[in-house]
Amino acid sequence: QVQLVESGGGLVQPGGSLRLSCAASGSIFSINVMGWYRQSPGKERELVARISSGGSLWYADSVKGRFTIFRDNAKNTVHLQMNSLQPEDTAVYYCNVAWRRFDDYSYWGQGTQVTISS
């Protein structure tokens, strides 16, 4: 069984910063992709950023230059440094780990609320 535990959400003013963290535990295949998704009320969950175990990166256009994703493979942790936050970044942020080994595997955290408001 795989478990993901997120932390670091909260309320911050526009222009502020937050760092989200996610710790994964359990039987995780070493070649994987860890990512952060977000979902706002009335909208579909969207991919924000992801990073492979080999270090390949991807960012949504809306967060490029503001968010940075990084990971520690030895600890199975992934972090999302969010700078210059705007009200449109308000959402529940979810951590995900996924891999393909004979089958597709994908696991989610419980989500952490990020609210940007003055």
Protein backbone atom coordinates (compact mmCIF):
# COMPACT_ATOMS: atom_id res chain seq x y z
CA GLN A 1 0.00 0.00 0.00
CA VAL A 2 1.18 3.52 -0.80
CA GLN A 3 0.41 6.53 1.36
CA LEU A 4 0.98 10.20 0.54
CA VAL A 5 0.87 12.86 3.24
CA GLU A 6 0.82 16.52 2.26
CA SER A 7 1.62 19.56 4.37
CA GLY A 8 2.25 23.27 3.99
CA GLY A 9 -1.04 24.70 2.81
CA GLY A 10 -2.60 27.77 4.30
CA LEU A 11 -3.74 31.34 3.83
CA VAL A 12 -1.38 33.89 2.32
CA GLN A 13 -1.72 37.35 0.84
CA PRO A 14 -1.31 37.99 -2.89
CA GLY A 15 2.36 38.14 -3.78
CA GLY A 16 3.29 35.83 -0.94
CA SER A 17 4.92 32.41 -0.91
CA LEU A 18 4.16 28.93 0.34
CA ARG A 19 5.96 25.62 0.19
CA LEU A 20 3.99 22.42 -0.08
CA SER A 21 5.55 19.12 0.90
CA CYS A 22 4.51 15.54 0.29
CA ALA A 23 5.96 12.42 1.83
CA ALA A 24 5.29 9.10 0.15
CA SER A 25 5.62 5.77 1.91
CA GLY A 26 5.01 2.13 1.08
CA SER A 27 5.87 0.02 -1.93
CA ILE A 28 6.89 2.65 -4.46
CA PHE A 29 8.66 1.70 -7.66
CA SER A 30 11.90 3.62 -7.92
CA ILE A 31 11.22 4.85 -11.46
CA ASN A 32 8.23 7.13 -11.02
CA VAL A 33 6.78 10.55 -11.52
CA MET A 34 5.67 12.73 -8.62
CA GLY A 35 3.44 15.69 -9.23
CA TRP A 36 1.20 18.35 -7.83
CA TYR A 37 -2.34 18.89 -9.04
CA ARG A 38 -4.91 21.43 -7.94
CA GLN A 39 -8.65 21.73 -8.02
CA SER A 40 -10.78 24.83 -7.53
CA PRO A 41 -14.54 24.75 -6.87
CA GLY A 42 -16.41 24.05 -10.09
CA LYS A 43 -13.26 23.21 -12.02
CA GLU A 44 -11.55 20.00 -13.01
CA ARG A 45 -8.39 18.87 -11.31
CA GLU A 46 -5.40 20.15 -13.26
CA LEU A 47 -1.73 19.25 -13.31
CA VAL A 48 0.43 22.04 -11.92
CA ALA A 49 3.92 20.52 -12.04
CA ARG A 50 5.58 17.14 -12.12
CA ILE A 51 9.07 15.73 -11.79
CA SER A 52 10.34 12.30 -12.70
CA SER A 53 12.75 10.25 -10.63
CA GLY A 54 15.31 11.10 -13.31
CA GLY A 55 14.72 14.82 -12.86
CA SER A 56 12.60 15.67 -15.89
CA LEU A 57 10.35 18.64 -15.20
CA TRP A 58 7.03 19.92 -16.47
CA TYR A 59 5.08 23.01 -15.45
CA ALA A 60 1.69 24.37 -16.39
CA ASP A 61 2.01 27.66 -18.28
CA SER A 62 0.08 29.43 -15.53
CA VAL A 63 2.79 28.72 -12.94
CA LYS A 64 5.99 28.86 -14.99
CA GLY A 65 8.51 31.22 -13.42
CA ARG A 66 6.60 31.29 -10.12
CA PHE A 67 6.51 27.66 -8.92
CA THR A 68 9.39 25.24 -8.51
CA ILE A 69 9.02 21.52 -7.98
CA PHE A 70 11.83 19.44 -6.52
CA ARG A 71 12.18 16.04 -4.91
CA ASP A 72 14.39 13.86 -2.76
CA ASN A 73 14.44 10.37 -4.23
CA ALA A 74 16.04 8.84 -1.15
CA LYS A 75 13.25 10.12 1.07
CA ASN A 76 10.40 9.80 -1.47
CA THR A 77 9.43 13.40 -0.89
CA VAL A 78 8.33 16.07 -3.33
CA HIS A 79 7.98 19.77 -2.69
CA LEU A 80 6.36 22.68 -4.47
CA GLN A 81 7.78 26.13 -3.81
CA MET A 82 5.14 28.66 -4.78
CA ASN A 83 6.10 32.31 -5.14
CA SER A 84 4.22 35.39 -6.32
CA LEU A 85 0.95 33.72 -5.42
CA GLN A 86 -2.23 35.14 -6.86
CA PRO A 87 -5.91 34.68 -5.98
CA GLU A 88 -6.32 32.39 -8.99
CA ASP A 89 -3.88 29.98 -7.36
CA THR A 90 -6.47 29.31 -4.65
CA ALA A 91 -7.30 25.62 -4.73
CA VAL A 92 -6.92 22.31 -2.99
CA TYR A 93 -3.52 20.96 -3.96
CA TYR A 94 -2.99 17.23 -4.30
CA CYS A 95 0.21 15.23 -4.41
CA ASN A 96 0.43 12.28 -6.79
CA VAL A 97 2.92 9.52 -7.46
CA ALA A 98 2.62 7.31 -10.52
CA TRP A 99 4.56 4.68 -12.36
CA ARG A 100 4.17 1.99 -14.95
CA ARG A 101 5.50 -1.49 -14.19
CA PHE A 102 3.49 -4.27 -15.85
CA ASP A 103 0.49 -2.08 -15.01
CA ASP A 104 -0.30 1.57 -14.31
CA TYR A 105 -0.18 2.75 -10.71
CA SER A 106 -1.31 6.13 -9.39
CA TYR A 107 -1.75 7.26 -5.80
CA TRP A 108 -3.07 10.49 -4.31
CA GLY A 109 -2.69 12.44 -1.13
CA GLN A 110 -5.64 13.80 0.79
CA GLY A 111 -5.14 17.36 -0.44
CA THR A 112 -4.13 20.59 1.25
CA GLN A 113 -5.97 23.89 0.96
CA VAL A 114 -4.14 26.91 -0.41
CA THR A 115 -5.99 30.21 -0.16
CA ILE A 116 -4.67 33.46 -1.57
CA SER A 117 -6.55 36.44 -0.22
CA SER A 118 -5.95 39.86 1.22
